[in-house]
PDB file of all heavy atoms in Angstrom:
ATOM      1  N   TRP A   1       3.777 -13.945 -19.473  1.00  0.00           N
ATOM      2  CA  TRP A   1       2.595 -13.591 -20.316  1.00  0.00           C
ATOM      3  C   TRP A   1       2.960 -12.416 -21.241  1.00  0.00           C
ATOM      4  O   TRP A   1       2.711 -12.475 -22.455  1.00  0.00           O
ATOM      5  CB  TRP A   1       1.390 -13.270 -19.448  1.00  0.00           C
ATOM      6  CG  TRP A   1       0.448 -14.403 -19.296  1.00  0.00           C
ATOM      7  CD1 TRP A   1       0.572 -15.468 -18.457  1.00  0.00           C
ATOM      8  CD2 TRP A   1      -0.760 -14.609 -20.012  1.00  0.00           C
ATOM      9  NE1 TRP A   1      -0.444 -16.334 -18.613  1.00  0.00           N
ATOM     10  CE2 TRP A   1      -1.306 -15.817 -19.548  1.00  0.00           C
ATOM     11  CE3 TRP A   1      -1.446 -13.867 -20.981  1.00  0.00           C
ATOM     12  CZ2 TRP A   1      -2.516 -16.292 -20.022  1.00  0.00           C
ATOM     13  CZ3 TRP A   1      -2.674 -14.395 -21.454  1.00  0.00           C
ATOM     14  CH2 TRP A   1      -3.186 -15.588 -20.989  1.00  0.00           C
ATOM     15  N   ALA A   2       3.542 -11.398 -20.711  1.00  0.00           N
ATOM     16  CA  ALA A   2       3.898 -10.192 -21.487  1.00  0.00           C
ATOM     17  C   ALA A   2       4.839 -10.644 -22.665  1.00  0.00           C
ATOM     18  O   ALA A   2       4.646 -10.234 -23.805  1.00  0.00           O
ATOM     19  CB  ALA A   2       4.543  -9.162 -20.617  1.00  0.00           C
ATOM     20  N   ASP A   3       5.866 -11.441 -22.308  1.00  0.00           N
ATOM     21  CA  ASP A   3       6.827 -11.882 -23.326  1.00  0.00           C
ATOM     22  C   ASP A   3       6.142 -12.672 -24.415  1.00  0.00           C
ATOM     23  O   ASP A   3       6.355 -12.430 -25.567  1.00  0.00           O
ATOM     24  CB  ASP A   3       7.920 -12.652 -22.649  1.00  0.00           C
ATOM     25  CG  ASP A   3       9.017 -13.113 -23.615  1.00  0.00           C
ATOM     26  OD1 ASP A   3       9.513 -12.233 -24.424  1.00  0.00           O
ATOM     27  OD2 ASP A   3       9.393 -14.287 -23.574  1.00  0.00           O
ATOM     28  N   ASP A   4       5.305 -13.656 -24.049  1.00  0.00           N
ATOM     29  CA  ASP A   4       4.669 -14.491 -25.033  1.00  0.00           C
ATOM     30  C   ASP A   4       3.666 -13.708 -25.843  1.00  0.00           C
ATOM     31  O   ASP A   4       3.531 -13.960 -27.051  1.00  0.00           O
ATOM     32  CB  ASP A   4       4.003 -15.673 -24.376  1.00  0.00           C
ATOM     33  CG  ASP A   4       5.019 -16.767 -24.002  1.00  0.00           C
ATOM     34  OD1 ASP A   4       6.237 -16.506 -24.165  1.00  0.00           O
ATOM     35  OD2 ASP A   4       4.623 -17.843 -23.496  1.00  0.00           O
ATOM     36  N   LEU A   5       2.934 -12.760 -25.234  1.00  0.00           N
ATOM     37  CA  LEU A   5       1.984 -11.940 -26.037  1.00  0.00           C
ATOM     38  C   LEU A   5       2.735 -11.141 -27.057  1.00  0.00           C
ATOM     39  O   LEU A   5       2.243 -10.893 -28.158  1.00  0.00           O
ATOM     40  CB  LEU A   5       1.188 -11.009 -25.134  1.00  0.00           C
ATOM     41  CG  LEU A   5       0.198 -11.667 -24.161  1.00  0.00           C
ATOM     42  CD1 LEU A   5      -0.424 -10.648 -23.250  1.00  0.00           C
ATOM     43  CD2 LEU A   5      -0.809 -12.500 -24.911  1.00  0.00           C
ATOM     44  N   GLY A   6       3.988 -10.741 -26.722  1.00  0.00           N
ATOM     45  CA  GLY A   6       4.767  -9.963 -27.674  1.00  0.00           C
ATOM     46  C   GLY A   6       5.498 -10.844 -28.715  1.00  0.00           C
ATOM     47  O   GLY A   6       5.628 -10.427 -29.863  1.00  0.00           O
ATOM     48  N   ASP A   7       5.945 -12.031 -28.328  1.00  0.00           N
ATOM     49  CA  ASP A   7       6.761 -12.811 -29.199  1.00  0.00           C
ATOM     50  C   ASP A   7       6.132 -14.020 -29.870  1.00  0.00           C
ATOM     51  O   ASP A   7       6.690 -14.536 -30.843  1.00  0.00           O
ATOM     52  CB  ASP A   7       7.969 -13.362 -28.387  1.00  0.00           C
ATOM     53  CG  ASP A   7       9.003 -12.267 -28.033  1.00  0.00           C
ATOM     54  OD1 ASP A   7       8.909 -11.167 -28.568  1.00  0.00           O
ATOM     55  OD2 ASP A   7       9.810 -12.570 -27.172  1.00  0.00           O
ATOM     56  N   GLU A   8       5.063 -14.493 -29.373  1.00  0.00           N
ATOM     57  CA  GLU A   8       4.586 -15.820 -29.839  1.00  0.00           C
ATOM     58  C   GLU A   8       3.410 -15.810 -30.828  1.00  0.00           C
ATOM     59  O   GLU A   8       3.078 -16.840 -31.360  1.00  0.00           O
ATOM     60  CB  GLU A   8       4.230 -16.718 -28.615  1.00  0.00           C
ATOM     61  CG  GLU A   8       5.388 -16.988 -27.693  1.00  0.00           C
ATOM     62  CD  GLU A   8       6.534 -17.763 -28.333  1.00  0.00           C
ATOM     63  OE1 GLU A   8       6.261 -18.602 -29.246  1.00  0.00           O
ATOM     64  OE2 GLU A   8       7.717 -17.566 -27.947  1.00  0.00           O
ATOM     65  N   THR A   9       2.776 -14.619 -31.028  1.00  0.00           N
ATOM     66  CA  THR A   9       1.593 -14.676 -31.934  1.00  0.00           C
ATOM     67  C   THR A   9       1.946 -14.789 -33.393  1.00  0.00           C
ATOM     68  O   THR A   9       1.155 -15.245 -34.171  1.00  0.00           O
ATOM     69  CB  THR A   9       0.757 -13.369 -31.738  1.00  0.00           C
ATOM     70  OG1 THR A   9       1.460 -12.256 -32.243  1.00  0.00           O
ATOM     71  CG2 THR A   9       0.347 -13.161 -30.287  1.00  0.00           C
ATOM     72  N   GLY A  10       3.119 -14.310 -33.752  1.00  0.00           N
ATOM     73  CA  GLY A  10       3.522 -14.333 -35.158  1.00  0.00           C
ATOM     74  C   GLY A  10       2.833 -13.201 -35.986  1.00  0.00           C
ATOM     75  O   GLY A  10       2.965 -13.153 -37.213  1.00  0.00           O
ATOM     76  N   ASP A  11       2.205 -12.252 -35.299  1.00  0.00           N
ATOM     77  CA  ASP A  11       1.514 -11.175 -35.974  1.00  0.00           C
ATOM     78  C   ASP A  11       1.680  -9.921 -35.131  1.00  0.00           C
ATOM     79  O   ASP A  11       1.209  -9.817 -33.995  1.00  0.00           O
ATOM     80  CB  ASP A  11       0.042 -11.539 -36.075  1.00  0.00           C
ATOM     81  CG  ASP A  11      -0.819 -10.469 -36.743  1.00  0.00           C
ATOM     82  OD1 ASP A  11      -0.531  -9.279 -36.570  1.00  0.00           O
ATOM     83  OD2 ASP A  11      -1.811 -10.877 -37.384  1.00  0.00           O
ATOM     84  N   ARG A  12       2.451  -8.964 -35.642  1.00  0.00           N
ATOM     85  CA  ARG A  12       2.746  -7.757 -34.879  1.00  0.00           C
ATOM     86  C   ARG A  12       1.494  -7.003 -34.449  1.00  0.00           C
ATOM     87  O   ARG A  12       1.417  -6.497 -33.317  1.00  0.00           O
ATOM     88  CB  ARG A  12       3.670  -6.809 -35.701  1.00  0.00           C
ATOM     89  CG  ARG A  12       5.039  -7.386 -35.836  1.00  0.00           C
ATOM     90  CD  ARG A  12       5.929  -6.381 -36.605  1.00  0.00           C
ATOM     91  NE  ARG A  12       7.255  -6.965 -36.857  1.00  0.00           N
ATOM     92  CZ  ARG A  12       8.231  -7.032 -35.955  1.00  0.00           C
ATOM     93  NH1 ARG A  12       8.027  -6.553 -34.764  1.00  0.00           N
ATOM     94  NH2 ARG A  12       9.370  -7.639 -36.298  1.00  0.00           N
ATOM     95  N   ASP A  13       0.509  -6.866 -35.294  1.00  0.00           N
ATOM     96  CA  ASP A  13      -0.709  -6.142 -34.984  1.00  0.00           C
ATOM     97  C   ASP A  13      -1.454  -6.885 -33.878  1.00  0.00           C
ATOM     98  O   ASP A  13      -1.955  -6.240 -32.922  1.00  0.00           O
ATOM     99  CB  ASP A  13      -1.595  -5.995 -36.180  1.00  0.00           C
ATOM    100  CG  ASP A  13      -1.030  -5.021 -37.266  1.00  0.00           C
ATOM    101  OD1 ASP A  13      -0.220  -4.184 -36.845  1.00  0.00           O
ATOM    102  OD2 ASP A  13      -1.382  -5.185 -38.423  1.00  0.00           O
ATOM    103  N   GLU A  14      -1.568  -8.182 -33.936  1.00  0.00           N
ATOM    104  CA  GLU A  14      -2.178  -8.964 -32.877  1.00  0.00           C
ATOM    105  C   GLU A  14      -1.406  -8.844 -31.583  1.00  0.00           C
ATOM    106  O   GLU A  14      -2.022  -8.702 -30.522  1.00  0.00           O
ATOM    107  CB  GLU A  14      -2.313 -10.430 -33.294  1.00  0.00           C
ATOM    108  CG  GLU A  14      -2.931 -11.347 -32.282  1.00  0.00           C
ATOM    109  CD  GLU A  14      -4.425 -11.001 -32.048  1.00  0.00           C
ATOM    110  OE1 GLU A  14      -5.044 -10.273 -32.852  1.00  0.00           O
ATOM    111  OE2 GLU A  14      -5.014 -11.526 -31.064  1.00  0.00           O
ATOM    112  N   SER A  15      -0.096  -8.894 -31.618  1.00  0.00           N
ATOM    113  CA  SER A  15       0.710  -8.694 -30.428  1.00  0.00           C
ATOM    114  C   SER A  15       0.433  -7.358 -29.765  1.00  0.00           C
ATOM    115  O   SER A  15       0.288  -7.286 -28.556  1.00  0.00           O
ATOM    116  CB  SER A  15       2.185  -8.916 -30.718  1.00  0.00           C
ATOM    117  OG  SER A  15       2.464 -10.264 -30.917  1.00  0.00           O
ATOM    118  N   LEU A  16       0.422  -6.287 -30.578  1.00  0.00           N
ATOM    119  CA  LEU A  16       0.143  -4.981 -30.063  1.00  0.00           C
ATOM    120  C   LEU A  16      -1.208  -4.872 -29.418  1.00  0.00           C
ATOM    121  O   LEU A  16      -1.406  -4.296 -28.319  1.00  0.00           O
ATOM    122  CB  LEU A  16       0.282  -3.882 -31.176  1.00  0.00           C
ATOM    123  CG  LEU A  16       1.673  -3.481 -31.490  1.00  0.00           C
ATOM    124  CD1 LEU A  16       1.700  -2.618 -32.741  1.00  0.00           C
ATOM    125  CD2 LEU A  16       2.309  -2.754 -30.346  1.00  0.00           C
ATOM    126  N   LYS A  17      -2.212  -5.489 -30.060  1.00  0.00           N
ATOM    127  CA  LYS A  17      -3.534  -5.504 -29.491  1.00  0.00           C
ATOM    128  C   LYS A  17      -3.563  -6.223 -28.139  1.00  0.00           C
ATOM    129  O   LYS A  17      -4.183  -5.773 -27.177  1.00  0.00           O
ATOM    130  CB  LYS A  17      -4.503  -6.210 -30.467  1.00  0.00           C
ATOM    131  CG  LYS A  17      -5.896  -6.325 -30.058  1.00  0.00           C
ATOM    132  CD  LYS A  17      -6.743  -7.038 -31.126  1.00  0.00           C
ATOM    133  CE  LYS A  17      -7.888  -7.752 -30.491  1.00  0.00           C
ATOM    134  NZ  LYS A  17      -8.531  -8.688 -31.392  1.00  0.00           N
ATOM    135  N   LEU A  18      -2.913  -7.368 -28.077  1.00  0.00           N
ATOM    136  CA  LEU A  18      -2.865  -8.136 -26.845  1.00  0.00           C
ATOM    137  C   LEU A  18      -2.092  -7.460 -25.766  1.00  0.00           C
ATOM    138  O   LEU A  18      -2.420  -7.491 -24.567  1.00  0.00           O
ATOM    139  CB  LEU A  18      -2.323  -9.567 -27.080  1.00  0.00           C
ATOM    140  CG  LEU A  18      -3.239 -10.453 -27.911  1.00  0.00           C
ATOM    141  CD1 LEU A  18      -2.544 -11.701 -28.388  1.00  0.00           C
ATOM    142  CD2 LEU A  18      -4.497 -10.792 -27.060  1.00  0.00           C
ATOM    143  N   LEU A  19      -0.987  -6.770 -26.129  1.00  0.00           N
ATOM    144  CA  LEU A  19      -0.205  -6.043 -25.142  1.00  0.00           C
ATOM    145  C   LEU A  19      -0.972  -4.843 -24.589  1.00  0.00           C
ATOM    146  O   LEU A  19      -0.859  -4.527 -23.400  1.00  0.00           O
ATOM    147  CB  LEU A  19       1.140  -5.634 -25.721  1.00  0.00           C
ATOM    148  CG  LEU A  19       2.130  -6.799 -25.931  1.00  0.00           C
ATOM    149  CD1 LEU A  19       3.292  -6.324 -26.868  1.00  0.00           C
ATOM    150  CD2 LEU A  19       2.642  -7.316 -24.607  1.00  0.00           C
ATOM    151  N   GLU A  20      -1.780  -4.168 -25.457  1.00  0.00           N
ATOM    152  CA  GLU A  20      -2.656  -3.130 -24.977  1.00  0.00           C
ATOM    153  C   GLU A  20      -3.644  -3.657 -23.935  1.00  0.00           C
ATOM    154  O   GLU A  20      -3.926  -3.006 -22.912  1.00  0.00           O
ATOM    155  CB  GLU A  20      -3.388  -2.424 -26.124  1.00  0.00           C
ATOM    156  CG  GLU A  20      -2.489  -1.691 -27.062  1.00  0.00           C
ATOM    157  CD  GLU A  20      -1.969  -0.348 -26.459  1.00  0.00           C
ATOM    158  OE1 GLU A  20      -2.579   0.116 -25.539  1.00  0.00           O
ATOM    159  OE2 GLU A  20      -0.958   0.157 -26.996  1.00  0.00           O
ATOM    160  N   TRP A  21      -4.197  -4.800 -24.238  1.00  0.00           N
ATOM    161  CA  TRP A  21      -5.104  -5.457 -23.291  1.00  0.00           C
ATOM    162  C   TRP A  21      -4.425  -5.790 -21.953  1.00  0.00           C
ATOM    163  O   TRP A  21      -4.908  -5.533 -20.910  1.00  0.00           O
ATOM    164  CB  TRP A  21      -5.715  -6.729 -23.912  1.00  0.00           C
ATOM    165  CG  TRP A  21      -6.285  -7.738 -22.952  1.00  0.00           C
ATOM    166  CD1 TRP A  21      -7.447  -7.519 -22.216  1.00  0.00           C
ATOM    167  CD2 TRP A  21      -5.707  -8.915 -22.545  1.00  0.00           C
ATOM    168  NE1 TRP A  21      -7.647  -8.608 -21.409  1.00  0.00           N
ATOM    169  CE2 TRP A  21      -6.609  -9.526 -21.553  1.00  0.00           C
ATOM    170  CE3 TRP A  21      -4.584  -9.640 -22.873  1.00  0.00           C
ATOM    171  CZ2 TRP A  21      -6.378 -10.713 -20.966  1.00  0.00           C
ATOM    172  CZ3 TRP A  21      -4.372 -10.864 -22.298  1.00  0.00           C
ATOM    173  CH2 TRP A  21      -5.214 -11.368 -21.336  1.00  0.00           C
ATOM    174  N   TRP A  22      -3.198  -6.347 -22.100  1.00  0.00           N
ATOM    175  CA  TRP A  22      -2.427  -6.718 -20.902  1.00  0.00           C
ATOM    176  C   TRP A  22      -2.136  -5.477 -20.035  1.00  0.00           C
ATOM    177  O   TRP A  22      -2.143  -5.520 -18.810  1.00  0.00           O
ATOM    178  CB  TRP A  22      -1.101  -7.401 -21.339  1.00  0.00           C
ATOM    179  CG  TRP A  22      -0.457  -8.197 -20.272  1.00  0.00           C
ATOM    180  CD1 TRP A  22       0.846  -8.024 -19.886  1.00  0.00           C
ATOM    181  CD2 TRP A  22      -0.957  -9.311 -19.581  1.00  0.00           C
ATOM    182  NE1 TRP A  22       1.124  -8.956 -18.906  1.00  0.00           N
ATOM    183  CE2 TRP A  22       0.080  -9.746 -18.705  1.00  0.00           C
ATOM    184  CE3 TRP A  22      -2.176  -9.980 -19.585  1.00  0.00           C
ATOM    185  CZ2 TRP A  22      -0.113 -10.851 -17.850  1.00  0.00           C
ATOM    186  CZ3 TRP A  22      -2.352 -11.056 -18.688  1.00  0.00           C
ATOM    187  CH2 TRP A  22      -1.332 -11.460 -17.828  1.00  0.00           C
ATOM    188  N   GLU A  23      -1.884  -4.341 -20.741  1.00  0.00           N
ATOM    189  CA  GLU A  23      -1.645  -3.109 -20.018  1.00  0.00           C
ATOM    190  C   GLU A  23      -2.904  -2.603 -19.260  1.00  0.00           C
ATOM    191  O   GLU A  23      -2.827  -2.112 -18.172  1.00  0.00           O
ATOM    192  CB  GLU A  23      -1.181  -2.050 -21.003  1.00  0.00           C
ATOM    193  CG  GLU A  23      -0.577  -0.816 -20.394  1.00  0.00           C
ATOM    194  CD  GLU A  23       0.156   0.038 -21.411  1.00  0.00           C
ATOM    195  OE1 GLU A  23      -0.324   0.117 -22.596  1.00  0.00           O
ATOM    196  OE2 GLU A  23       1.201   0.554 -21.087  1.00  0.00           O
ATOM    197  N   ARG A  24      -4.072  -2.823 -19.855  1.00  0.00           N
ATOM    198  CA  ARG A  24      -5.299  -2.469 -19.185  1.00  0.00           C
ATOM    199  C   ARG A  24      -5.520  -3.326 -17.984  1.00  0.00           C
ATOM    200  O   ARG A  24      -5.976  -2.879 -16.901  1.00  0.00           O
ATOM    201  CB  ARG A  24      -6.458  -2.537 -20.168  1.00  0.00           C
ATOM    202  CG  ARG A  24      -6.511  -1.453 -21.166  1.00  0.00           C
ATOM    203  CD  ARG A  24      -7.785  -1.420 -22.001  1.00  0.00           C
ATOM    204  NE  ARG A  24      -8.112  -2.659 -22.679  1.00  0.00           N
ATOM    205  CZ  ARG A  24      -7.713  -2.990 -23.922  1.00  0.00           C
ATOM    206  NH1 ARG A  24      -6.901  -2.185 -24.578  1.00  0.00           N
ATOM    207  NH2 ARG A  24      -8.015  -4.130 -24.430  1.00  0.00           N
ATOM    208  N   GLU A  25      -5.222  -4.653 -18.109  1.00  0.00           N
ATOM    209  CA  GLU A  25      -5.317  -5.593 -17.008  1.00  0.00           C
ATOM    210  C   GLU A  25      -4.398  -5.165 -15.859  1.00  0.00           C
ATOM    211  O   GLU A  25      -4.765  -5.254 -14.689  1.00  0.00           O
ATOM    212  CB  GLU A  25      -5.070  -7.002 -17.477  1.00  0.00           C
ATOM    213  CG  GLU A  25      -6.070  -7.610 -18.421  1.00  0.00           C
ATOM    214  CD  GLU A  25      -7.391  -7.890 -17.789  1.00  0.00           C
ATOM    215  OE1 GLU A  25      -7.456  -8.363 -16.615  1.00  0.00           O
ATOM    216  OE2 GLU A  25      -8.421  -7.646 -18.417  1.00  0.00           O
ATOM    217  N   LEU A  26      -3.174  -4.729 -16.203  1.00  0.00           N
ATOM    218  CA  LEU A  26      -2.209  -4.240 -15.204  1.00  0.00           C
ATOM    219  C   LEU A  26      -2.814  -3.045 -14.445  1.00  0.00           C
ATOM    220  O   LEU A  26      -2.767  -2.994 -13.181  1.00  0.00           O
ATOM    221  CB  LEU A  26      -0.909  -3.887 -15.871  1.00  0.00           C
ATOM    222  CG  LEU A  26       0.154  -3.214 -14.966  1.00  0.00           C
ATOM    223  CD1 LEU A  26       0.661  -4.199 -13.958  1.00  0.00           C
ATOM    224  CD2 LEU A  26       1.328  -2.695 -15.844  1.00  0.00           C
ATOM    225  N   ALA A  27      -3.368  -2.077 -15.185  1.00  0.00           N
ATOM    226  CA  ALA A  27      -3.937  -0.884 -14.512  1.00  0.00           C
ATOM    227  C   ALA A  27      -5.073  -1.318 -13.593  1.00  0.00           C
ATOM    228  O   ALA A  27      -5.168  -0.851 -12.451  1.00  0.00           O
ATOM    229  CB  ALA A  27      -4.469   0.075 -15.609  1.00  0.00           C
ATOM    230  N   ASP A  28      -5.945  -2.246 -14.025  1.00  0.00           N
ATOM    231  CA  ASP A  28      -7.027  -2.719 -13.203  1.00  0.00           C
ATOM    232  C   ASP A  28      -6.475  -3.414 -11.973  1.00  0.00           C
ATOM    233  O   ASP A  28      -7.043  -3.262 -10.851  1.00  0.00           O
ATOM    234  CB  ASP A  28      -7.947  -3.696 -13.955  1.00  0.00           C
ATOM    235  CG  ASP A  28      -8.834  -2.964 -14.932  1.00  0.00           C
ATOM    236  OD1 ASP A  28      -8.976  -1.707 -14.871  1.00  0.00           O
ATOM    237  OD2 ASP A  28      -9.446  -3.633 -15.820  1.00  0.00           O
ATOM    238  N   CYS A  29      -5.445  -4.156 -12.106  1.00  0.00           N
ATOM    239  CA  CYS A  29      -4.795  -4.838 -10.920  1.00  0.00           C
ATOM    240  C   CYS A  29      -4.349  -3.849  -9.908  1.00  0.00           C
ATOM    241  O   CYS A  29      -4.689  -3.954  -8.712  1.00  0.00           O
ATOM    242  CB  CYS A  29      -3.586  -5.666 -11.423  1.00  0.00           C
ATOM    243  SG  CYS A  29      -2.592  -6.421 -10.085  1.00  0.00           S
ATOM    244  N   PHE A  30      -3.664  -2.845 -10.358  1.00  0.00           N
ATOM    245  CA  PHE A  30      -3.117  -1.866  -9.363  1.00  0.00           C
ATOM    246  C   PHE A  30      -4.218  -0.944  -8.850  1.00  0.00           C
ATOM    247  O   PHE A  30      -3.996  -0.229  -7.846  1.00  0.00           O
ATOM    248  CB  PHE A  30      -1.915  -1.111  -9.976  1.00  0.00           C
ATOM    249  CG  PHE A  30      -0.604  -1.891  -9.788  1.00  0.00           C
ATOM    250  CD1 PHE A  30      -0.298  -2.897 -10.614  1.00  0.00           C
ATOM    251  CD2 PHE A  30       0.228  -1.510  -8.716  1.00  0.00           C
ATOM    252  CE1 PHE A  30       0.892  -3.619 -10.432  1.00  0.00           C
ATOM    253  CE2 PHE A  30       1.405  -2.262  -8.537  1.00  0.00           C
ATOM    254  CZ  PHE A  30       1.730  -3.290  -9.418  1.00  0.00           C
TER     255      PHE A  30
END
């Protein structure tokens, strides 16, 4: 998921936004 959020959107700003969300999900998990 992390890799595809970073590599597959085709839009750097969108990828950053999604990776920030993924990071929040990680924090909630732990």
